[in-house]
Amino acid sequence: MSATRTATAMKSKMKVRRTAPKRGTQRMGRGGSSSRPMWLPDTESPPWLDGTMIGDRGFDPLGLAKPQEFLQVGIDQNEQNNAVNKAGDVVGTFRTDVDKVSGDSLSPYSEAFGIKRFRECELIHGRWCMLATLGVLVGETFSGVSWVDAGKVELAQTQYFNLDLPFSLTQVSWAEAILVGWAEVLRNTERDTTKRCYPGGPFDPLGLAAADKDAEQVTFLKEAELKHGRLAMVAFFGFGAQALAFGDGALGSLTRFSNSY
């Protein structure tokens, strides 16, 4: 009886608790243990990317988001009677507050290379590219016009889904400039960095990221938006490269690629 109990106790000690694997690419250490998700296996994250921001995978090969550090140099010996005027020595260093936001409309951030400003720019560019990528694919599918030639078609007659519009291209451009410009003014006068990126309200009509939603769900949706935005930026960069290289749109380049095999 005692031998059975001893064997049972040893089995219970040998049980290993299993946890669900983390999302994303994992960095494996020398001992084989994983840390937070990384953009490439077996890589180290820069010190300024500590994983606290949503979608942080430690990707900053050029060090663009590195906090700026300035050298404080003493005054040179500018004496015209001396044969040699020695330059001033370094007396110290200081860093700027890169994430401070003011109420200025044109330059709300105190430092252009702040990580929060980079996140805001990444979100805005990702959202534009998601709209543009979807618009290119849908527009070429239903109209048969390449996005490269869409401007020439609109110059001849403004239309939407092959339906003529009673507006000229100049009128449409002015309306877009006024509406988008007003939206940019409202965004740049917002001093809350969170609301600048996630204004909510009419920009979340389904209430997916409302205040009463689960925090884990909201984090998942924000990270999904970043992933899709990054993929859309790469996709539209590919659209532009294909157009410059071959003069074809997205579907035309896809047809050219498929015909080559």
Protein backbone atom coordinates (compact mmCIF):
# COMPACT_ATOMS: atom_id res chain seq x y z
CA MET A 1 0.00 0.00 0.00
CA SER A 2 2.81 2.38 0.91
CA ALA A 3 4.62 1.57 -2.35
CA THR A 4 1.49 2.52 -4.32
CA ARG A 5 1.23 5.84 -2.50
CA THR A 6 4.90 6.57 -3.12
CA ALA A 7 4.54 5.88 -6.85
CA THR A 8 1.45 8.12 -7.03
CA ALA A 9 3.28 10.95 -5.27
CA MET A 10 6.24 10.67 -7.61
CA LYS A 11 3.93 10.80 -10.66
CA SER A 12 2.20 13.92 -9.33
CA LYS A 13 5.57 15.64 -8.85
CA MET A 14 6.62 14.73 -12.37
CA LYS A 15 3.53 16.36 -13.93
CA VAL A 16 4.37 19.45 -15.91
CA ARG A 17 1.90 22.26 -16.19
CA ARG A 18 1.09 23.05 -19.81
CA THR A 19 0.29 26.54 -20.93
CA ALA A 20 -1.07 27.79 -24.22
CA PRO A 21 1.63 29.03 -26.59
CA LYS A 22 1.94 32.76 -27.09
CA ARG A 23 0.85 34.34 -30.35
CA GLY A 24 3.50 35.41 -32.80
CA THR A 25 7.08 34.38 -33.45
CA GLN A 26 8.86 33.36 -30.29
CA ARG A 27 12.48 34.08 -29.43
CA MET A 28 14.16 30.97 -28.08
CA GLY A 29 16.95 31.38 -25.58
CA ARG A 30 19.91 29.10 -25.13
CA GLY A 31 17.97 26.95 -22.74
CA GLY A 32 15.04 26.67 -25.13
CA SER A 33 12.65 28.86 -23.11
CA SER A 34 10.52 31.36 -24.97
CA SER A 35 10.02 35.02 -24.15
CA ARG A 36 7.64 37.58 -25.68
CA PRO A 37 6.81 37.29 -29.41
CA MET A 38 9.50 38.68 -31.72
CA TRP A 39 9.52 39.56 -35.42
CA LEU A 40 12.34 37.10 -36.08
CA PRO A 41 13.41 34.04 -34.07
CA ASP A 42 16.59 34.21 -32.00
CA THR A 43 16.72 38.02 -32.00
CA GLU A 44 17.06 40.48 -29.17
CA SER A 45 14.73 43.43 -28.76
CA PRO A 46 16.21 46.95 -28.51
CA PRO A 47 16.07 48.41 -24.98
CA TRP A 48 13.57 51.08 -26.02
CA LEU A 49 11.11 48.44 -27.29
CA ASP A 50 10.19 46.73 -24.03
CA GLY A 51 6.99 45.04 -25.22
CA THR A 52 4.59 47.35 -23.39
CA MET A 53 3.08 48.71 -26.61
CA ILE A 54 0.52 46.65 -28.51
CA GLY A 55 2.03 44.93 -31.53
CA ASP A 56 5.61 45.45 -30.35
CA ARG A 57 7.74 42.71 -31.91
CA GLY A 58 11.12 44.36 -31.34
CA PHE A 59 11.49 45.48 -34.97
CA ASP A 60 13.57 48.64 -35.29
CA PRO A 61 16.70 47.74 -37.29
CA LEU A 62 17.55 51.39 -38.04
CA GLY A 63 17.01 52.55 -34.46
CA LEU A 64 14.50 55.22 -35.52
CA ALA A 65 12.58 55.04 -32.23
CA LYS A 66 15.70 55.17 -30.05
CA PRO A 67 15.43 58.02 -27.51
CA GLN A 68 17.61 60.88 -28.66
CA GLU A 69 20.57 61.78 -26.48
CA PHE A 70 22.36 65.09 -26.97
CA LEU A 71 25.87 66.04 -25.94
CA GLN A 72 26.46 69.22 -23.99
CA VAL A 73 29.76 70.77 -25.08
CA GLY A 74 31.68 73.56 -23.41
CA ILE A 75 32.62 76.85 -25.07
CA ASP A 76 35.55 76.83 -27.45
CA GLN A 77 38.64 78.93 -26.64
CA ASN A 78 37.98 81.61 -29.21
CA GLU A 79 40.95 83.83 -28.43
CA GLN A 80 42.41 85.43 -31.55
CA ASN A 81 45.80 86.05 -29.91
CA ASN A 82 46.38 82.35 -29.15
CA ALA A 83 48.28 80.19 -31.61
CA VAL A 84 45.96 77.24 -30.91
CA ASN A 85 42.32 77.49 -29.82
CA LYS A 86 41.16 74.26 -28.20
CA ALA A 87 37.62 73.07 -28.76
CA GLY A 88 35.28 72.73 -25.85
CA ASP A 89 35.04 69.39 -24.07
CA VAL A 90 31.91 67.35 -23.52
CA VAL A 91 30.50 68.34 -20.15
CA GLY A 92 27.37 66.18 -20.06
CA THR A 93 24.43 64.63 -21.87
CA PHE A 94 20.67 65.14 -21.80
CA ARG A 95 17.60 63.53 -23.35
CA THR A 96 14.44 65.14 -24.64
CA ASP A 97 10.92 64.26 -23.58
CA VAL A 98 9.95 62.59 -26.87
CA ASP A 99 6.36 61.71 -25.94
CA LYS A 100 5.14 65.10 -24.78
CA VAL A 101 2.11 66.37 -26.68
CA SER A 102 1.18 70.04 -26.91
CA GLY A 103 -1.85 71.82 -28.32
CA ASP A 104 -0.10 73.01 -31.46
CA SER A 105 -2.02 72.08 -34.59
CA LEU A 106 0.89 71.64 -37.00
CA SER A 107 3.48 70.07 -34.66
CA PRO A 108 1.73 68.56 -31.63
CA TYR A 109 4.66 66.38 -30.57
CA SER A 110 7.71 67.92 -28.94
CA GLU A 111 10.01 65.50 -30.78
CA ALA A 112 9.54 64.20 -34.31
CA PHE A 113 11.22 60.87 -33.55
CA GLY A 114 9.11 59.86 -30.54
CA ILE A 115 7.88 56.30 -30.36
CA LYS A 116 4.27 57.39 -29.72
CA ARG A 117 4.35 59.60 -32.80
CA PHE A 118 5.70 56.67 -34.79
CA ARG A 119 2.83 54.50 -33.53
CA GLU A 120 0.30 57.15 -34.54
CA CYS A 121 1.85 57.46 -38.01
CA GLU A 122 1.92 53.67 -38.37
CA LEU A 123 -1.77 53.42 -37.55
CA ILE A 124 -2.78 56.22 -39.91
CA HIS A 125 -0.70 54.92 -42.80
CA GLY A 126 -1.93 51.39 -42.16
CA ARG A 127 -5.56 52.46 -42.21
CA TRP A 128 -5.10 54.44 -45.43
CA CYS A 129 -3.34 51.50 -47.06
CA MET A 130 -6.07 49.07 -45.98
CA LEU A 131 -8.65 51.32 -47.64
CA ALA A 132 -6.46 51.82 -50.70
CA THR A 133 -5.64 48.12 -51.13
CA LEU A 134 -9.28 47.12 -50.84
CA GLY A 135 -10.31 49.96 -53.14
CA VAL A 136 -7.81 48.94 -55.80
CA LEU A 137 -8.91 45.31 -55.83
CA VAL A 138 -12.65 46.06 -55.71
CA GLY A 139 -12.41 48.90 -58.23
CA GLU A 140 -10.43 46.91 -60.78
CA THR A 141 -12.73 43.91 -60.35
CA PHE A 142 -16.01 45.75 -60.95
CA SER A 143 -14.93 48.48 -63.36
CA GLY A 144 -12.24 46.72 -65.36
CA VAL A 145 -10.09 49.84 -65.16
CA SER A 146 -6.57 49.59 -63.75
CA TRP A 147 -5.89 51.82 -60.77
CA VAL A 148 -2.94 53.18 -62.76
CA ASP A 149 -5.36 54.53 -65.39
CA ALA A 150 -8.11 55.53 -62.95
CA GLY A 151 -7.01 59.17 -62.97
CA LYS A 152 -7.34 59.43 -66.75
CA VAL A 153 -10.84 57.95 -66.59
CA GLU A 154 -11.89 60.37 -63.85
CA LEU A 155 -10.51 63.32 -65.81
CA ALA A 156 -12.71 62.39 -68.74
CA GLN A 157 -15.85 61.85 -66.63
CA THR A 158 -16.13 61.44 -62.87
CA GLN A 159 -17.85 58.17 -62.07
CA TYR A 160 -18.33 55.66 -59.30
CA PHE A 161 -18.88 51.96 -60.09
CA ASN A 162 -19.30 52.93 -63.74
CA LEU A 163 -22.05 55.44 -62.83
CA ASP A 164 -21.48 59.01 -63.98
CA LEU A 165 -21.43 61.62 -61.21
CA PRO A 166 -22.85 65.16 -61.62
CA PHE A 167 -19.62 66.66 -60.23
CA SER A 168 -16.35 67.62 -61.84
CA LEU A 169 -13.05 66.25 -60.61
CA THR A 170 -12.17 69.70 -59.29
CA GLN A 171 -15.31 69.83 -57.17
CA VAL A 172 -14.68 66.33 -55.80
CA SER A 173 -11.07 67.26 -54.98
CA TRP A 174 -12.12 70.40 -53.13
CA ALA A 175 -14.74 68.49 -51.15
CA GLU A 176 -12.20 65.84 -50.20
CA ALA A 177 -9.62 68.46 -49.20
CA ILE A 178 -12.10 70.28 -46.97
CA LEU A 179 -13.51 67.16 -45.28
CA VAL A 180 -10.16 65.41 -44.76
CA GLY A 181 -8.49 68.67 -43.76
CA TRP A 182 -11.14 69.33 -41.11
CA ALA A 183 -10.72 65.80 -39.77
CA GLU A 184 -6.94 66.34 -39.57
CA VAL A 185 -7.44 69.61 -37.68
CA LEU A 186 -9.63 67.84 -35.13
CA ARG A 187 -7.12 65.03 -34.75
CA ASN A 188 -4.11 67.32 -34.36
CA THR A 189 -5.81 69.46 -31.72
CA GLU A 190 -6.46 66.38 -29.55
CA ARG A 191 -3.87 66.22 -26.74
CA ASP A 192 -4.73 62.74 -25.47
CA THR A 193 -2.37 60.34 -27.28
CA THR A 194 -4.83 57.45 -26.91
CA LYS A 195 -7.75 59.38 -28.42
CA ARG A 196 -5.52 60.58 -31.23
CA CYS A 197 -5.08 56.96 -32.33
CA TYR A 198 -8.44 55.53 -31.22
CA PRO A 199 -11.06 58.32 -31.22
CA GLY A 200 -14.01 55.92 -30.94
CA GLY A 201 -17.52 57.26 -31.32
CA PRO A 202 -18.56 57.38 -34.99
CA PHE A 203 -15.24 55.75 -35.93
CA ASP A 204 -16.34 52.62 -34.03
CA PRO A 205 -19.96 52.25 -35.22
CA LEU A 206 -20.23 48.61 -34.09
CA GLY A 207 -18.86 49.36 -30.63
CA LEU A 208 -16.20 46.65 -30.91
CA ALA A 209 -13.75 48.60 -28.73
CA ALA A 210 -16.24 50.31 -26.42
CA ALA A 211 -15.36 50.99 -22.81
CA ASP A 212 -17.61 48.18 -21.54
CA LYS A 213 -15.88 45.57 -23.71
CA ASP A 214 -13.41 43.04 -22.37
CA ALA A 215 -9.88 44.47 -22.19
CA GLU A 216 -8.37 41.33 -23.72
CA GLN A 217 -10.75 41.56 -26.69
CA VAL A 218 -9.91 45.22 -27.25
CA THR A 219 -6.18 44.45 -27.13
CA PHE A 220 -6.66 41.60 -29.61
CA LEU A 221 -8.56 43.88 -32.02
CA LYS A 222 -5.93 46.63 -31.79
CA GLU A 223 -3.15 44.16 -32.52
CA ALA A 224 -5.13 42.68 -35.41
CA GLU A 225 -5.56 46.17 -36.86
CA LEU A 226 -1.81 46.73 -36.68
CA LYS A 227 -1.06 43.41 -38.39
CA HIS A 228 -3.53 44.06 -41.19
CA GLY A 229 -2.28 47.63 -41.58
CA ARG A 230 1.34 46.49 -41.87
CA LEU A 231 0.37 43.86 -44.43
CA ALA A 232 -1.62 46.46 -46.40
CA MET A 233 1.34 48.86 -46.43
CA VAL A 234 3.57 46.14 -47.87
CA ALA A 235 0.82 45.20 -50.37
CA PHE A 236 0.34 48.74 -51.65
CA PHE A 237 4.09 49.22 -51.89
CA GLY A 238 4.03 46.14 -54.11
CA PHE A 239 1.21 47.65 -56.19
CA GLY A 240 3.31 50.75 -56.77
CA ALA A 241 6.45 48.79 -57.63
CA GLN A 242 4.53 46.64 -60.12
CA ALA A 243 2.98 49.71 -61.72
CA LEU A 244 6.39 51.35 -62.15
CA ALA A 245 7.99 48.19 -63.48
CA PHE A 246 5.27 46.90 -65.82
CA GLY A 247 2.66 49.66 -66.08
CA ASP A 248 -0.08 47.27 -64.96
CA GLY A 249 -2.53 47.42 -62.09
CA ALA A 250 -2.88 44.87 -59.30
CA LEU A 251 -4.98 42.36 -61.24
CA GLY A 252 -3.00 42.91 -64.43
CA SER A 253 0.26 42.21 -62.61
CA LEU A 254 -1.29 39.11 -61.06
CA THR A 255 -2.32 37.89 -64.52
CA ARG A 256 1.16 38.59 -65.88
CA PHE A 257 2.67 36.63 -63.00
CA SER A 258 0.32 33.66 -63.45
CA ASN A 259 0.96 33.55 -67.21
CA SER A 260 4.71 33.30 -66.65
CA TYR A 261 4.34 29.78 -65.25
